[in-house]
Amino acid sequence: MWPAKPTYCRYNSPCLSVYSENAVDVFDVNSREWIQTVPLTKIKIWNEGSLNILLVETV
């Protein structure tokens, strides 16, 4: 189901961000649709949500 093995998952309503070694996939949990893939290599979570807030604002 995943293009790459997920390393982290974060939820910030209504978006679910799934982090892998080569991208961040963003999904809308209400419509159960894929929104976008952000190609970021070896991304890591810095803290509890600052990166998610940035992604939600740009979606």
PDB file of N, CA and C in Angstrom:
ATOM      1  N   MET A   1       0.811  -1.196   0.000  1.00  0.00           N
ATOM      2  CA  MET A   1       0.000   0.000   0.000  1.00  0.00           C
ATOM      3  C   MET A   1       0.858   1.266   0.000  1.00  0.00           C
ATOM      4  N   TRP A   2       1.986   1.278   0.718  1.00  0.00           N
ATOM      5  CA  TRP A   2       2.829   2.467   0.789  1.00  0.00           C
ATOM      6  C   TRP A   2       3.921   2.386  -0.273  1.00  0.00           C
ATOM      7  N   PRO A   3       4.283   3.511  -0.897  1.00  0.00           N
ATOM      8  CA  PRO A   3       5.376   3.506  -1.863  1.00  0.00           C
ATOM      9  C   PRO A   3       6.730   3.220  -1.209  1.00  0.00           C
ATOM     10  N   ALA A   4       6.881   3.597   0.049  1.00  0.00           N
ATOM     11  CA  ALA A   4       8.092   3.311   0.831  1.00  0.00           C
ATOM     12  C   ALA A   4       7.658   3.031   2.266  1.00  0.00           C
ATOM     13  N   LYS A   5       8.487   2.321   3.006  1.00  0.00           N
ATOM     14  CA  LYS A   5       8.142   1.963   4.377  1.00  0.00           C
ATOM     15  C   LYS A   5       7.994   3.229   5.237  1.00  0.00           C
ATOM     16  N   PRO A   6       6.830   3.431   5.882  1.00  0.00           N
ATOM     17  CA  PRO A   6       6.635   4.608   6.739  1.00  0.00           C
ATOM     18  C   PRO A   6       7.543   4.563   7.970  1.00  0.00           C
ATOM     19  N   THR A   7       8.080   5.730   8.329  1.00  0.00           N
ATOM     20  CA  THR A   7       8.908   5.833   9.528  1.00  0.00           C
ATOM     21  C   THR A   7       8.198   6.596  10.638  1.00  0.00           C
ATOM     22  N   TYR A   8       7.362   7.569  10.287  1.00  0.00           N
ATOM     23  CA  TYR A   8       6.590   8.347  11.254  1.00  0.00           C
ATOM     24  C   TYR A   8       5.218   8.652  10.672  1.00  0.00           C
ATOM     25  N   CYS A   9       4.253   8.874  11.545  1.00  0.00           N
ATOM     26  CA  CYS A   9       2.925   9.337  11.145  1.00  0.00           C
ATOM     27  C   CYS A   9       2.513  10.449  12.095  1.00  0.00           C
ATOM     28  N   ARG A  10       1.921  11.501  11.554  1.00  0.00           N
ATOM     29  CA  ARG A  10       1.417  12.603  12.367  1.00  0.00           C
ATOM     30  C   ARG A  10       0.035  12.985  11.862  1.00  0.00           C
ATOM     31  N   TYR A  11      -0.842  13.295  12.808  1.00  0.00           N
ATOM     32  CA  TYR A  11      -2.201  13.699  12.459  1.00  0.00           C
ATOM     33  C   TYR A  11      -2.434  15.116  12.950  1.00  0.00           C
ATOM     34  N   ASN A  12      -2.880  15.984  12.053  1.00  0.00           N
ATOM     35  CA  ASN A  12      -3.258  17.355  12.373  1.00  0.00           C
ATOM     36  C   ASN A  12      -4.511  17.620  11.556  1.00  0.00           C
ATOM     37  N   SER A  13      -5.649  17.538  12.195  1.00  0.00           N
ATOM     38  CA  SER A  13      -6.954  17.538  11.535  1.00  0.00           C
ATOM     39  C   SER A  13      -7.041  18.589  10.439  1.00  0.00           C
ATOM     40  N   PRO A  14      -7.456  18.222   9.266  1.00  0.00           N
ATOM     41  CA  PRO A  14      -7.917  16.925   8.788  1.00  0.00           C
ATOM     42  C   PRO A  14      -6.838  16.126   8.060  1.00  0.00           C
ATOM     43  N   CYS A  15      -5.568  16.506   8.216  1.00  0.00           N
ATOM     44  CA  CYS A  15      -4.498  15.878   7.430  1.00  0.00           C
ATOM     45  C   CYS A  15      -3.715  14.836   8.217  1.00  0.00           C
ATOM     46  N   LEU A  16      -3.436  13.735   7.546  1.00  0.00           N
ATOM     47  CA  LEU A  16      -2.545  12.712   8.065  1.00  0.00           C
ATOM     48  C   LEU A  16      -1.269  12.779   7.238  1.00  0.00           C
ATOM     49  N   SER A  17      -0.146  13.000   7.903  1.00  0.00           N
ATOM     50  CA  SER A  17       1.149  13.052   7.226  1.00  0.00           C
ATOM     51  C   SER A  17       1.896  11.766   7.530  1.00  0.00           C
ATOM     52  N   VAL A  18       2.332  11.097   6.479  1.00  0.00           N
ATOM     53  CA  VAL A  18       3.065   9.839   6.620  1.00  0.00           C
ATOM     54  C   VAL A  18       4.473  10.071   6.073  1.00  0.00           C
ATOM     55  N   TYR A  19       5.458   9.937   6.950  1.00  0.00           N
ATOM     56  CA  TYR A  19       6.853  10.192   6.609  1.00  0.00           C
ATOM     57  C   TYR A  19       7.542   8.887   6.250  1.00  0.00           C
ATOM     58  N   SER A  20       8.343   8.927   5.197  1.00  0.00           N
ATOM     59  CA  SER A  20       9.156   7.772   4.825  1.00  0.00           C
ATOM     60  C   SER A  20      10.565   8.268   4.533  1.00  0.00           C
ATOM     61  N   GLU A  21      11.433   7.378   4.100  1.00  0.00           N
ATOM     62  CA  GLU A  21      12.819   7.767   3.863  1.00  0.00           C
ATOM     63  C   GLU A  21      12.971   8.723   2.682  1.00  0.00           C
ATOM     64  N   ASN A  22      12.027   8.709   1.743  1.00  0.00           N
ATOM     65  CA  ASN A  22      12.196   9.552   0.565  1.00  0.00           C
ATOM     66  C   ASN A  22      11.044  10.503   0.263  1.00  0.00           C
ATOM     67  N   ALA A  23      10.046  10.625   1.162  1.00  0.00           N
ATOM     68  CA  ALA A  23       8.943  11.545   0.892  1.00  0.00           C
ATOM     69  C   ALA A  23       8.029  11.678   2.103  1.00  0.00           C
ATOM     70  N   VAL A  24       7.173  12.694   2.035  1.00  0.00           N
ATOM     71  CA  VAL A  24       6.092  12.857   3.001  1.00  0.00           C
ATOM     72  C   VAL A  24       4.800  12.798   2.198  1.00  0.00           C
ATOM     73  N   ASP A  25       3.930  11.858   2.529  1.00  0.00           N
ATOM     74  CA  ASP A  25       2.636  11.731   1.866  1.00  0.00           C
ATOM     75  C   ASP A  25       1.577  12.345   2.770  1.00  0.00           C
ATOM     76  N   VAL A  26       0.710  13.180   2.190  1.00  0.00           N
ATOM     77  CA  VAL A  26      -0.329  13.860   2.952  1.00  0.00           C
ATOM     78  C   VAL A  26      -1.686  13.363   2.469  1.00  0.00           C
ATOM     79  N   PHE A  27      -2.524  12.959   3.423  1.00  0.00           N
ATOM     80  CA  PHE A  27      -3.851  12.432   3.128  1.00  0.00           C
ATOM     81  C   PHE A  27      -4.907  13.229   3.879  1.00  0.00           C
ATOM     82  N   ASP A  28      -6.083  13.385   3.282  1.00  0.00           N
ATOM     83  CA  ASP A  28      -7.240  13.977   3.953  1.00  0.00           C
ATOM     84  C   ASP A  28      -8.029  12.833   4.571  1.00  0.00           C
ATOM     85  N   VAL A  29      -8.118  12.801   5.895  1.00  0.00           N
ATOM     86  CA  VAL A  29      -8.780  11.672   6.549  1.00  0.00           C
ATOM     87  C   VAL A  29     -10.296  11.740   6.413  1.00  0.00           C
ATOM     88  N   ASN A  30     -10.868  12.924   6.203  1.00  0.00           N
ATOM     89  CA  ASN A  30     -12.322  13.024   6.050  1.00  0.00           C
ATOM     90  C   ASN A  30     -12.794  12.448   4.716  1.00  0.00           C
ATOM     91  N   SER A  31     -12.100  12.787   3.648  1.00  0.00           N
ATOM     92  CA  SER A  31     -12.491  12.283   2.326  1.00  0.00           C
ATOM     93  C   SER A  31     -11.753  10.999   1.960  1.00  0.00           C
ATOM     94  N   ARG A  32     -10.768  10.604   2.775  1.00  0.00           N
ATOM     95  CA  ARG A  32      -9.943   9.410   2.537  1.00  0.00           C
ATOM     96  C   ARG A  32      -9.228   9.491   1.192  1.00  0.00           C
ATOM     97  N   GLU A  33      -8.731  10.691   0.875  1.00  0.00           N
ATOM     98  CA  GLU A  33      -8.034  10.904  -0.389  1.00  0.00           C
ATOM     99  C   GLU A  33      -6.594  11.342  -0.152  1.00  0.00           C
ATOM    100  N   TRP A  34      -5.756  10.993  -1.101  1.00  0.00           N
ATOM    101  CA  TRP A  34      -4.380  11.461  -1.106  1.00  0.00           C
ATOM    102  C   TRP A  34      -4.390  12.919  -1.539  1.00  0.00           C
ATOM    103  N   ILE A  35      -3.629  13.772  -0.847  1.00  0.00           N
ATOM    104  CA  ILE A  35      -3.554  15.189  -1.204  1.00  0.00           C
ATOM    105  C   ILE A  35      -2.297  15.472  -2.013  1.00  0.00           C
ATOM    106  N   GLN A  36      -1.139  15.108  -1.445  1.00  0.00           N
ATOM    107  CA  GLN A  36       0.108  15.361  -2.167  1.00  0.00           C
ATOM    108  C   GLN A  36       1.242  14.543  -1.579  1.00  0.00           C
ATOM    109  N   THR A  37       2.306  14.446  -2.351  1.00  0.00           N
ATOM    110  CA  THR A  37       3.554  13.850  -1.898  1.00  0.00           C
ATOM    111  C   THR A  37       4.634  14.914  -2.006  1.00  0.00           C
ATOM    112  N   VAL A  38       5.345  15.123  -0.909  1.00  0.00           N
ATOM    113  CA  VAL A  38       6.437  16.091  -0.889  1.00  0.00           C
ATOM    114  C   VAL A  38       7.745  15.298  -0.900  1.00  0.00           C
ATOM    115  N   PRO A  39       8.534  15.395  -1.970  1.00  0.00           N
ATOM    116  CA  PRO A  39       9.759  14.597  -2.062  1.00  0.00           C
ATOM    117  C   PRO A  39      10.888  15.180  -1.209  1.00  0.00           C
ATOM    118  N   LEU A  40      11.008  14.687   0.005  1.00  0.00           N
ATOM    119  CA  LEU A  40      12.057  15.111   0.929  1.00  0.00           C
ATOM    120  C   LEU A  40      12.828  13.874   1.363  1.00  0.00           C
ATOM    121  N   THR A  41      14.103  13.828   1.068  1.00  0.00           N
ATOM    122  CA  THR A  41      14.910  12.651   1.367  1.00  0.00           C
ATOM    123  C   THR A  41      15.329  12.624   2.831  1.00  0.00           C
ATOM    124  N   LYS A  42      15.144  11.463   3.463  1.00  0.00           N
ATOM    125  CA  LYS A  42      15.554  11.209   4.853  1.00  0.00           C
ATOM    126  C   LYS A  42      15.038  12.264   5.826  1.00  0.00           C
ATOM    127  N   ILE A  43      13.759  12.580   5.718  1.00  0.00           N
ATOM    128  CA  ILE A  43      13.127  13.566   6.598  1.00  0.00           C
ATOM    129  C   ILE A  43      12.965  12.990   7.997  1.00  0.00           C
ATOM    130  N   LYS A  44      13.137  13.827   9.009  1.00  0.00           N
ATOM    131  CA  LYS A  44      12.943  13.412  10.399  1.00  0.00           C
ATOM    132  C   LYS A  44      12.054  14.427  11.098  1.00  0.00           C
ATOM    133  N   ILE A  45      11.352  13.963  12.112  1.00  0.00           N
ATOM    134  CA  ILE A  45      10.490  14.841  12.892  1.00  0.00           C
ATOM    135  C   ILE A  45      11.354  15.624  13.876  1.00  0.00           C
ATOM    136  N   TRP A  46      11.204  16.944  13.896  1.00  0.00           N
ATOM    137  CA  TRP A  46      11.964  17.755  14.842  1.00  0.00           C
ATOM    138  C   TRP A  46      11.269  17.836  16.184  1.00  0.00           C
ATOM    139  N   ASN A  47       9.958  18.034  16.171  1.00  0.00           N
ATOM    140  CA  ASN A  47       9.180  18.075  17.411  1.00  0.00           C
ATOM    141  C   ASN A  47       7.744  17.684  17.106  1.00  0.00           C
ATOM    142  N   GLU A  48       6.845  17.926  18.004  1.00  0.00           N
ATOM    143  CA  GLU A  48       5.464  17.442  17.876  1.00  0.00           C
ATOM    144  C   GLU A  48       4.583  18.339  17.018  1.00  0.00           C
ATOM    145  N   GLY A  49       4.914  18.599  15.772  1.00  0.00           N
ATOM    146  CA  GLY A  49       3.957  19.244  14.902  1.00  0.00           C
ATOM    147  C   GLY A  49       4.399  20.450  14.109  1.00  0.00           C
ATOM    148  N   SER A  50       5.582  21.003  14.330  1.00  0.00           N
ATOM    149  CA  SER A  50       5.941  22.205  13.585  1.00  0.00           C
ATOM    150  C   SER A  50       6.026  21.928  12.087  1.00  0.00           C
ATOM    151  N   LEU A  51       6.525  20.767  11.703  1.00  0.00           N
ATOM    152  CA  LEU A  51       6.580  20.426  10.287  1.00  0.00           C
ATOM    153  C   LEU A  51       5.180  20.173   9.743  1.00  0.00           C
ATOM    154  N   ASN A  52       4.307  19.563  10.528  1.00  0.00           N
ATOM    155  CA  ASN A  52       2.936  19.345  10.089  1.00  0.00           C
ATOM    156  C   ASN A  52       2.202  20.652   9.854  1.00  0.00           C
ATOM    157  N   ILE A  53       2.402  21.622  10.711  1.00  0.00           N
ATOM    158  CA  ILE A  53       1.748  22.913  10.536  1.00  0.00           C
ATOM    159  C   ILE A  53       2.206  23.554   9.233  1.00  0.00           C
ATOM    160  N   LEU A  54       3.484  23.474   8.929  1.00  0.00           N
ATOM    161  CA  LEU A  54       4.006  24.004   7.680  1.00  0.00           C
ATOM    162  C   LEU A  54       3.358  23.312   6.492  1.00  0.00           C
ATOM    163  N   LEU A  55       3.202  21.997   6.536  1.00  0.00           N
ATOM    164  CA  LEU A  55       2.585  21.263   5.432  1.00  0.00           C
ATOM    165  C   LEU A  55       1.120  21.609   5.271  1.00  0.00           C
ATOM    166  N   VAL A  56       0.408  21.771   6.374  1.00  0.00           N
ATOM    167  CA  VAL A  56      -1.012  22.084   6.290  1.00  0.00           C
ATOM    168  C   VAL A  56      -1.215  23.459   5.674  1.00  0.00           C
ATOM    169  N   GLU A  57      -0.356  24.417   5.990  1.00  0.00           N
ATOM    170  CA  GLU A  57      -0.491  25.755   5.438  1.00  0.00           C
ATOM    171  C   GLU A  57      -0.229  25.791   3.939  1.00  0.00           C
ATOM    172  N   THR A  58       0.612  24.921   3.426  1.00  0.00           N
ATOM    173  CA  THR A  58       0.943  24.946   2.007  1.00  0.00           C
ATOM    174  C   THR A  58       0.024  24.066   1.168  1.00  0.00           C
ATOM    175  N   VAL A  59      -0.850  23.300   1.796  1.00  0.00           N
ATOM    176  CA  VAL A  59      -1.715  22.384   1.052  1.00  0.00           C
ATOM    177  C   VAL A  59      -2.848  23.114   0.428  1.00  0.00           C
TER     178      VAL A  59
END
